[in-house]
mmCIF file of all heavy atoms, coordinates in Angstrom:
data_MODEL
# 
_entry.id   MODEL 
# 
loop_
_atom_site.group_PDB 
_atom_site.id 
_atom_site.type_symbol 
_atom_site.label_atom_id 
_atom_site.label_alt_id 
_atom_site.label_comp_id 
_atom_site.label_asym_id 
_atom_site.label_entity_id 
_atom_site.label_seq_id 
_atom_site.pdbx_PDB_ins_code 
_atom_site.Cartn_x 
_atom_site.Cartn_y 
_atom_site.Cartn_z 
_atom_site.occupancy 
_atom_site.B_iso_or_equiv 
_atom_site.pdbx_formal_charge 
_atom_site.auth_seq_id 
_atom_site.auth_comp_id 
_atom_site.auth_asym_id 
_atom_site.auth_atom_id 
_atom_site.pdbx_PDB_model_num 
ATOM 1   N N   . LEU A 1 1  ? 86.974  85.803  85.486 1.00 0.00 ? 1  LEU A N   1 
ATOM 2   C CA  . LEU A 1 1  ? 88.320  85.316  85.778 1.00 0.00 ? 1  LEU A CA  1 
ATOM 3   C C   . LEU A 1 1  ? 88.276  84.033  86.598 1.00 0.00 ? 1  LEU A C   1 
ATOM 4   O O   . LEU A 1 1  ? 89.026  83.081  86.334 1.00 0.00 ? 1  LEU A O   1 
ATOM 5   C CB  . LEU A 1 1  ? 89.129  86.379  86.502 1.00 0.00 ? 1  LEU A CB  1 
ATOM 6   C CG  . LEU A 1 1  ? 89.514  87.616  85.684 1.00 0.00 ? 1  LEU A CG  1 
ATOM 7   C CD1 . LEU A 1 1  ? 90.114  88.681  86.591 1.00 0.00 ? 1  LEU A CD1 1 
ATOM 8   C CD2 . LEU A 1 1  ? 90.508  87.246  84.575 1.00 0.00 ? 1  LEU A CD2 1 
ATOM 9   N N   . ASP A 1 2  ? 87.391  83.987  87.583 1.00 0.00 ? 2  ASP A N   1 
ATOM 10  C CA  . ASP A 1 2  ? 87.239  82.768  88.399 1.00 0.00 ? 2  ASP A CA  1 
ATOM 11  C C   . ASP A 1 2  ? 86.816  81.596  87.525 1.00 0.00 ? 2  ASP A C   1 
ATOM 12  O O   . ASP A 1 2  ? 87.320  80.470  87.685 1.00 0.00 ? 2  ASP A O   1 
ATOM 13  C CB  . ASP A 1 2  ? 86.215  82.998  89.498 1.00 0.00 ? 2  ASP A CB  1 
ATOM 14  C CG  . ASP A 1 2  ? 86.716  83.908  90.609 1.00 0.00 ? 2  ASP A CG  1 
ATOM 15  O OD1 . ASP A 1 2  ? 87.940  84.086  90.707 1.00 0.00 ? 2  ASP A OD1 1 
ATOM 16  O OD2 . ASP A 1 2  ? 85.873  84.449  91.356 1.00 0.00 ? 2  ASP A OD2 1 
ATOM 17  N N   . ALA A 1 3  ? 85.876  81.842  86.627 1.00 0.00 ? 3  ALA A N   1 
ATOM 18  C CA  . ALA A 1 3  ? 85.370  80.768  85.776 1.00 0.00 ? 3  ALA A CA  1 
ATOM 19  C C   . ALA A 1 3  ? 86.436  80.293  84.788 1.00 0.00 ? 3  ALA A C   1 
ATOM 20  O O   . ALA A 1 3  ? 86.503  79.111  84.452 1.00 0.00 ? 3  ALA A O   1 
ATOM 21  C CB  . ALA A 1 3  ? 84.128  81.240  85.018 1.00 0.00 ? 3  ALA A CB  1 
ATOM 22  N N   . LEU A 1 4  ? 87.271  81.203  84.342 1.00 0.00 ? 4  LEU A N   1 
ATOM 23  C CA  . LEU A 1 4  ? 88.342  80.842  83.412 1.00 0.00 ? 4  LEU A CA  1 
ATOM 24  C C   . LEU A 1 4  ? 89.370  79.968  84.129 1.00 0.00 ? 4  LEU A C   1 
ATOM 25  O O   . LEU A 1 4  ? 89.862  78.981  83.579 1.00 0.00 ? 4  LEU A O   1 
ATOM 26  C CB  . LEU A 1 4  ? 88.982  82.096  82.837 1.00 0.00 ? 4  LEU A CB  1 
ATOM 27  C CG  . LEU A 1 4  ? 89.813  81.962  81.566 1.00 0.00 ? 4  LEU A CG  1 
ATOM 28  C CD1 . LEU A 1 4  ? 89.011  81.347  80.439 1.00 0.00 ? 4  LEU A CD1 1 
ATOM 29  C CD2 . LEU A 1 4  ? 90.344  83.341  81.142 1.00 0.00 ? 4  LEU A CD2 1 
ATOM 30  N N   . GLY A 1 5  ? 89.700  80.363  85.354 1.00 0.00 ? 5  GLY A N   1 
ATOM 31  C CA  . GLY A 1 5  ? 90.505  79.495  86.221 1.00 0.00 ? 5  GLY A CA  1 
ATOM 32  C C   . GLY A 1 5  ? 91.983  79.416  85.900 1.00 0.00 ? 5  GLY A C   1 
ATOM 33  O O   . GLY A 1 5  ? 92.681  78.568  86.447 1.00 0.00 ? 5  GLY A O   1 
ATOM 34  N N   . ASP A 1 6  ? 92.504  80.274  85.036 1.00 0.00 ? 6  ASP A N   1 
ATOM 35  C CA  . ASP A 1 6  ? 93.925  80.242  84.686 1.00 0.00 ? 6  ASP A CA  1 
ATOM 36  C C   . ASP A 1 6  ? 94.709  81.242  85.549 1.00 0.00 ? 6  ASP A C   1 
ATOM 37  O O   . ASP A 1 6  ? 94.226  82.335  85.856 1.00 0.00 ? 6  ASP A O   1 
ATOM 38  C CB  . ASP A 1 6  ? 94.126  80.625  83.212 1.00 0.00 ? 6  ASP A CB  1 
ATOM 39  C CG  . ASP A 1 6  ? 93.829  79.472  82.277 1.00 0.00 ? 6  ASP A CG  1 
ATOM 40  O OD1 . ASP A 1 6  ? 94.746  78.701  81.999 1.00 0.00 ? 6  ASP A OD1 1 
ATOM 41  O OD2 . ASP A 1 6  ? 92.675  79.353  81.836 1.00 0.00 ? 6  ASP A OD2 1 
ATOM 42  N N   . GLU A 1 7  ? 95.939  80.876  85.885 1.00 0.00 ? 7  GLU A N   1 
ATOM 43  C CA  . GLU A 1 7  ? 96.777  81.791  86.631 1.00 0.00 ? 7  GLU A CA  1 
ATOM 44  C C   . GLU A 1 7  ? 97.340  82.883  85.715 1.00 0.00 ? 7  GLU A C   1 
ATOM 45  O O   . GLU A 1 7  ? 97.564  84.008  86.147 1.00 0.00 ? 7  GLU A O   1 
ATOM 46  C CB  . GLU A 1 7  ? 97.924  81.046  87.303 1.00 0.00 ? 7  GLU A CB  1 
ATOM 47  C CG  . GLU A 1 7  ? 97.459  80.117  88.424 1.00 0.00 ? 7  GLU A CG  1 
ATOM 48  C CD  . GLU A 1 7  ? 98.617  79.490  89.166 1.00 0.00 ? 7  GLU A CD  1 
ATOM 49  O OE1 . GLU A 1 7  ? 99.782  79.856  88.857 1.00 0.00 ? 7  GLU A OE1 1 
ATOM 50  O OE2 . GLU A 1 7  ? 98.363  78.654  90.041 1.00 0.00 ? 7  GLU A OE2 1 
ATOM 51  N N   . GLU A 1 8  ? 97.565  82.546  84.457 1.00 0.00 ? 8  GLU A N   1 
ATOM 52  C CA  . GLU A 1 8  ? 98.068  83.501  83.472 1.00 0.00 ? 8  GLU A CA  1 
ATOM 53  C C   . GLU A 1 8  ? 96.950  83.822  82.491 1.00 0.00 ? 8  GLU A C   1 
ATOM 54  O O   . GLU A 1 8  ? 96.476  82.938  81.781 1.00 0.00 ? 8  GLU A O   1 
ATOM 55  C CB  . GLU A 1 8  ? 99.286  82.956  82.742 1.00 0.00 ? 8  GLU A CB  1 
ATOM 56  C CG  . GLU A 1 8  ? 100.492 82.699  83.640 1.00 0.00 ? 8  GLU A CG  1 
ATOM 57  C CD  . GLU A 1 8  ? 101.677 82.185  82.861 1.00 0.00 ? 8  GLU A CD  1 
ATOM 58  O OE1 . GLU A 1 8  ? 101.692 82.343  81.622 1.00 0.00 ? 8  GLU A OE1 1 
ATOM 59  O OE2 . GLU A 1 8  ? 102.588 81.611  83.486 1.00 0.00 ? 8  GLU A OE2 1 
ATOM 60  N N   . VAL A 1 9  ? 96.549  85.090  82.447 1.00 0.00 ? 9  VAL A N   1 
ATOM 61  C CA  . VAL A 1 9  ? 95.433  85.503  81.586 1.00 0.00 ? 9  VAL A CA  1 
ATOM 62  C C   . VAL A 1 9  ? 95.823  86.751  80.793 1.00 0.00 ? 9  VAL A C   1 
ATOM 63  O O   . VAL A 1 9  ? 96.420  87.680  81.339 1.00 0.00 ? 9  VAL A O   1 
ATOM 64  C CB  . VAL A 1 9  ? 94.174  85.790  82.430 1.00 0.00 ? 9  VAL A CB  1 
ATOM 65  C CG1 . VAL A 1 9  ? 93.032  86.318  81.531 1.00 0.00 ? 9  VAL A CG1 1 
ATOM 66  C CG2 . VAL A 1 9  ? 93.718  84.554  83.171 1.00 0.00 ? 9  VAL A CG2 1 
ATOM 67  N N   . LEU A 1 10 ? 95.462  86.757  79.510 1.00 0.00 ? 10 LEU A N   1 
ATOM 68  C CA  . LEU A 1 10 ? 95.592  87.936  78.670 1.00 0.00 ? 10 LEU A CA  1 
ATOM 69  C C   . LEU A 1 10 ? 94.223  88.576  78.547 1.00 0.00 ? 10 LEU A C   1 
ATOM 70  O O   . LEU A 1 10 ? 93.203  87.878  78.504 1.00 0.00 ? 10 LEU A O   1 
ATOM 71  C CB  . LEU A 1 10 ? 96.110  87.553  77.282 1.00 0.00 ? 10 LEU A CB  1 
ATOM 72  C CG  . LEU A 1 10 ? 97.441  86.777  77.244 1.00 0.00 ? 10 LEU A CG  1 
ATOM 73  C CD1 . LEU A 1 10 ? 97.762  86.381  75.808 1.00 0.00 ? 10 LEU A CD1 1 
ATOM 74  C CD2 . LEU A 1 10 ? 98.558  87.594  77.847 1.00 0.00 ? 10 LEU A CD2 1 
ATOM 75  N N   . ALA A 1 11 ? 94.185  89.898  78.478 1.00 0.00 ? 11 ALA A N   1 
ATOM 76  C CA  . ALA A 1 11 ? 92.907  90.608  78.433 1.00 0.00 ? 11 ALA A CA  1 
ATOM 77  C C   . ALA A 1 11 ? 92.977  91.753  77.433 1.00 0.00 ? 11 ALA A C   1 
ATOM 78  O O   . ALA A 1 11 ? 93.976  92.463  77.353 1.00 0.00 ? 11 ALA A O   1 
ATOM 79  C CB  . ALA A 1 11 ? 92.547  91.142  79.807 1.00 0.00 ? 11 ALA A CB  1 
ATOM 80  N N   . ALA A 1 12 ? 91.874  91.934  76.704 1.00 0.00 ? 12 ALA A N   1 
ATOM 81  C CA  . ALA A 1 12 ? 91.789  93.044  75.742 1.00 0.00 ? 12 ALA A CA  1 
ATOM 82  C C   . ALA A 1 12 ? 90.400  93.660  75.797 1.00 0.00 ? 12 ALA A C   1 
ATOM 83  O O   . ALA A 1 12 ? 89.398  92.941  75.838 1.00 0.00 ? 12 ALA A O   1 
ATOM 84  C CB  . ALA A 1 12 ? 92.072  92.552  74.326 1.00 0.00 ? 12 ALA A CB  1 
ATOM 85  N N   . ALA A 1 13 ? 90.359  94.983  75.814 1.00 0.00 ? 13 ALA A N   1 
ATOM 86  C CA  . ALA A 1 13 ? 89.101  95.733  75.783 1.00 0.00 ? 13 ALA A CA  1 
ATOM 87  C C   . ALA A 1 13 ? 88.904  96.345  74.411 1.00 0.00 ? 13 ALA A C   1 
ATOM 88  O O   . ALA A 1 13 ? 89.843  96.815  73.780 1.00 0.00 ? 13 ALA A O   1 
ATOM 89  C CB  . ALA A 1 13 ? 89.130  96.829  76.838 1.00 0.00 ? 13 ALA A CB  1 
ATOM 90  N N   . GLY A 1 14 ? 87.644  96.357  73.963 1.00 0.00 ? 14 GLY A N   1 
ATOM 91  C CA  . GLY A 1 14 ? 87.322  96.894  72.662 1.00 0.00 ? 14 GLY A CA  1 
ATOM 92  C C   . GLY A 1 14 ? 86.611  98.234  72.740 1.00 0.00 ? 14 GLY A C   1 
ATOM 93  O O   . GLY A 1 14 ? 86.493  98.842  73.806 1.00 0.00 ? 14 GLY A O   1 
ATOM 94  N N   . PRO A 1 15 ? 86.131  98.719  71.595 1.00 0.00 ? 15 PRO A N   1 
ATOM 95  C CA  . PRO A 1 15 ? 85.455  100.018 71.540 1.00 0.00 ? 15 PRO A CA  1 
ATOM 96  C C   . PRO A 1 15 ? 84.230  100.054 72.459 1.00 0.00 ? 15 PRO A C   1 
ATOM 97  O O   . PRO A 1 15 ? 83.486  99.088  72.551 1.00 0.00 ? 15 PRO A O   1 
ATOM 98  C CB  . PRO A 1 15 ? 85.032  100.105 70.067 1.00 0.00 ? 15 PRO A CB  1 
ATOM 99  C CG  . PRO A 1 15 ? 85.949  99.193  69.337 1.00 0.00 ? 15 PRO A CG  1 
ATOM 100 C CD  . PRO A 1 15 ? 86.220  98.060  70.273 1.00 0.00 ? 15 PRO A CD  1 
ATOM 101 N N   . HIS A 1 16 ? 84.065  101.191 73.123 1.00 0.00 ? 16 HIS A N   1 
ATOM 102 C CA  . HIS A 1 16 ? 82.925  101.387 74.020 1.00 0.00 ? 16 HIS A CA  1 
ATOM 103 C C   . HIS A 1 16 ? 82.762  102.888 74.246 1.00 0.00 ? 16 HIS A C   1 
ATOM 104 O O   . HIS A 1 16 ? 83.564  103.683 73.769 1.00 0.00 ? 16 HIS A O   1 
ATOM 105 C CB  . HIS A 1 16 ? 83.127  100.655 75.341 1.00 0.00 ? 16 HIS A CB  1 
ATOM 106 C CG  . HIS A 1 16 ? 84.337  101.112 76.089 1.00 0.00 ? 16 HIS A CG  1 
ATOM 107 N ND1 . HIS A 1 16 ? 85.608  100.688 75.776 1.00 0.00 ? 16 HIS A ND1 1 
ATOM 108 C CD2 . HIS A 1 16 ? 84.495  101.960 77.144 1.00 0.00 ? 16 HIS A CD2 1 
ATOM 109 C CE1 . HIS A 1 16 ? 86.488  101.254 76.584 1.00 0.00 ? 16 HIS A CE1 1 
ATOM 110 N NE2 . HIS A 1 16 ? 85.835  102.044 77.426 1.00 0.00 ? 16 HIS A NE2 1 
ATOM 111 N N   . ILE A 1 17 ? 81.742  103.267 74.976 1.00 0.00 ? 17 ILE A N   1 
ATOM 112 C CA  . ILE A 1 17 ? 81.556  104.687 75.273 1.00 0.00 ? 17 ILE A CA  1 
ATOM 113 C C   . ILE A 1 17 ? 82.619  105.134 76.274 1.00 0.00 ? 17 ILE A C   1 
ATOM 114 O O   . ILE A 1 17 ? 82.777  104.553 77.338 1.00 0.00 ? 17 ILE A O   1 
ATOM 115 C CB  . ILE A 1 17 ? 80.134  104.963 75.790 1.00 0.00 ? 17 ILE A CB  1 
ATOM 116 C CG1 . ILE A 1 17 ? 79.869  106.466 75.872 1.00 0.00 ? 17 ILE A CG1 1 
ATOM 117 C CG2 . ILE A 1 17 ? 79.861  104.266 77.115 1.00 0.00 ? 17 ILE A CG2 1 
ATOM 118 C CD1 . ILE A 1 17 ? 78.402  106.819 76.113 1.00 0.00 ? 17 ILE A CD1 1 
ATOM 119 N N   . ARG A 1 18 ? 83.362  106.160 75.902 1.00 0.00 ? 18 ARG A N   1 
ATOM 120 C CA  . ARG A 1 18 ? 84.481  106.615 76.725 1.00 0.00 ? 18 ARG A CA  1 
ATOM 121 C C   . ARG A 1 18 ? 84.029  107.706 77.701 1.00 0.00 ? 18 ARG A C   1 
ATOM 122 O O   . ARG A 1 18 ? 82.954  108.301 77.572 1.00 0.00 ? 18 ARG A O   1 
ATOM 123 C CB  . ARG A 1 18 ? 85.595  107.141 75.824 1.00 0.00 ? 18 ARG A CB  1 
ATOM 124 C CG  . ARG A 1 18 ? 86.111  106.081 74.843 1.00 0.00 ? 18 ARG A CG  1 
ATOM 125 C CD  . ARG A 1 18 ? 87.030  105.086 75.509 1.00 0.00 ? 18 ARG A CD  1 
ATOM 126 N NE  . ARG A 1 18 ? 87.348  103.965 74.632 1.00 0.00 ? 18 ARG A NE  1 
ATOM 127 C CZ  . ARG A 1 18 ? 88.351  103.102 74.832 1.00 0.00 ? 18 ARG A CZ  1 
ATOM 128 N NH1 . ARG A 1 18 ? 89.144  103.270 75.889 1.00 0.00 ? 18 ARG A NH1 1 
ATOM 129 N NH2 . ARG A 1 18 ? 88.569  102.100 74.006 1.00 0.00 ? 18 ARG A NH2 1 
ATOM 130 N N   . ALA A 1 19 ? 84.896  107.984 78.672 1.00 0.00 ? 19 ALA A N   1 
ATOM 131 C CA  . ALA A 1 19 ? 84.558  108.898 79.752 1.00 0.00 ? 19 ALA A CA  1 
ATOM 132 C C   . ALA A 1 19 ? 84.033  110.248 79.280 1.00 0.00 ? 19 ALA A C   1 
ATOM 133 O O   . ALA A 1 19 ? 83.056  110.761 79.856 1.00 0.00 ? 19 ALA A O   1 
ATOM 134 C CB  . ALA A 1 19 ? 85.760  109.075 80.675 1.00 0.00 ? 19 ALA A CB  1 
ATOM 135 N N   . PRO A 1 20 ? 84.617  110.888 78.256 1.00 0.00 ? 20 PRO A N   1 
ATOM 136 C CA  . PRO A 1 20 ? 84.092  112.186 77.850 1.00 0.00 ? 20 PRO A CA  1 
ATOM 137 C C   . PRO A 1 20 ? 82.624  112.160 77.406 1.00 0.00 ? 20 PRO A C   1 
ATOM 138 O O   . PRO A 1 20 ? 81.944  113.184 77.430 1.00 0.00 ? 20 PRO A O   1 
ATOM 139 C CB  . PRO A 1 20 ? 85.017  112.587 76.690 1.00 0.00 ? 20 PRO A CB  1 
ATOM 140 C CG  . PRO A 1 20 ? 86.284  111.858 76.963 1.00 0.00 ? 20 PRO A CG  1 
ATOM 141 C CD  . PRO A 1 20 ? 85.849  110.550 77.518 1.00 0.00 ? 20 PRO A CD  1 
ATOM 142 N N   . SER A 1 21 ? 82.156  110.978 76.987 1.00 0.00 ? 21 SER A N   1 
ATOM 143 C CA  . SER A 1 21 ? 80.784  110.843 76.475 1.00 0.00 ? 21 SER A CA  1 
ATOM 144 C C   . SER A 1 21 ? 79.830  110.178 77.445 1.00 0.00 ? 21 SER A C   1 
ATOM 145 O O   . SER A 1 21 ? 78.614  110.229 77.255 1.00 0.00 ? 21 SER A O   1 
ATOM 146 C CB  . SER A 1 21 ? 80.792  110.041 75.167 1.00 0.00 ? 21 SER A CB  1 
ATOM 147 O OG  . SER A 1 21 ? 81.721  110.566 74.232 1.00 0.00 ? 21 SER A OG  1 
ATOM 148 N N   . PHE A 1 22 ? 80.370  109.504 78.472 1.00 0.00 ? 22 PHE A N   1 
ATOM 149 C CA  . PHE A 1 22 ? 79.545  108.674 79.344 1.00 0.00 ? 22 PHE A CA  1 
ATOM 150 C C   . PHE A 1 22 ? 79.101  109.469 80.573 1.00 0.00 ? 22 PHE A C   1 
ATOM 151 O O   . PHE A 1 22 ? 79.752  109.483 81.619 1.00 0.00 ? 22 PHE A O   1 
ATOM 152 C CB  . PHE A 1 22 ? 80.325  107.436 79.759 1.00 0.00 ? 22 PHE A CB  1 
ATOM 153 C CG  . PHE A 1 22 ? 79.488  106.391 80.456 1.00 0.00 ? 22 PHE A CG  1 
ATOM 154 C CD1 . PHE A 1 22 ? 78.096  106.388 80.383 1.00 0.00 ? 22 PHE A CD1 1 
ATOM 155 C CD2 . PHE A 1 22 ? 80.091  105.378 81.192 1.00 0.00 ? 22 PHE A CD2 1 
ATOM 156 C CE1 . PHE A 1 22 ? 77.331  105.434 81.016 1.00 0.00 ? 22 PHE A CE1 1 
ATOM 157 C CE2 . PHE A 1 22 ? 79.350  104.402 81.835 1.00 0.00 ? 22 PHE A CE2 1 
ATOM 158 C CZ  . PHE A 1 22 ? 77.969  104.439 81.743 1.00 0.00 ? 22 PHE A CZ  1 
ATOM 159 N N   . GLU A 1 23 ? 77.969  110.147 80.447 1.00 0.00 ? 23 GLU A N   1 
ATOM 160 C CA  . GLU A 1 23 ? 77.416  110.958 81.529 1.00 0.00 ? 23 GLU A CA  1 
ATOM 161 C C   . GLU A 1 23 ? 76.501  110.126 82.412 1.00 0.00 ? 23 GLU A C   1 
ATOM 162 O O   . GLU A 1 23 ? 75.610  109.413 81.915 1.00 0.00 ? 23 GLU A O   1 
ATOM 163 C CB  . GLU A 1 23 ? 76.645  112.136 80.947 1.00 0.00 ? 23 GLU A CB  1 
ATOM 164 C CG  . GLU A 1 23 ? 76.004  113.040 81.985 1.00 0.00 ? 23 GLU A CG  1 
ATOM 165 C CD  . GLU A 1 23 ? 75.187  114.152 81.351 1.00 0.00 ? 23 GLU A CD  1 
ATOM 166 O OE1 . GLU A 1 23 ? 75.675  114.781 80.400 1.00 0.00 ? 23 GLU A OE1 1 
ATOM 167 O OE2 . GLU A 1 23 ? 74.042  114.371 81.816 1.00 0.00 ? 23 GLU A OE2 1 
ATOM 168 N N   . VAL A 1 24 ? 76.715  110.217 83.727 1.00 0.00 ? 24 VAL A N   1 
ATOM 169 C CA  . VAL A 1 24 ? 75.885  109.486 84.694 1.00 0.00 ? 24 VAL A CA  1 
ATOM 170 C C   . VAL A 1 24 ? 75.500  110.419 85.820 1.00 0.00 ? 24 VAL A C   1 
ATOM 171 O O   . VAL A 1 24 ? 76.126  111.460 86.049 1.00 0.00 ? 24 VAL A O   1 
ATOM 172 C CB  . VAL A 1 24 ? 76.615  108.255 85.250 1.00 0.00 ? 24 VAL A CB  1 
ATOM 173 C CG1 . VAL A 1 24 ? 76.957  107.279 84.149 1.00 0.00 ? 24 VAL A CG1 1 
ATOM 174 C CG2 . VAL A 1 24 ? 77.867  108.662 86.025 1.00 0.00 ? 24 VAL A CG2 1 
# 
């Protein structure tokens, strides 16, 4: 976000390992 430097930013997250599957 700092490197992008815009006050108005849109953000989108894509497919990834979700909480039910992500054991740590």
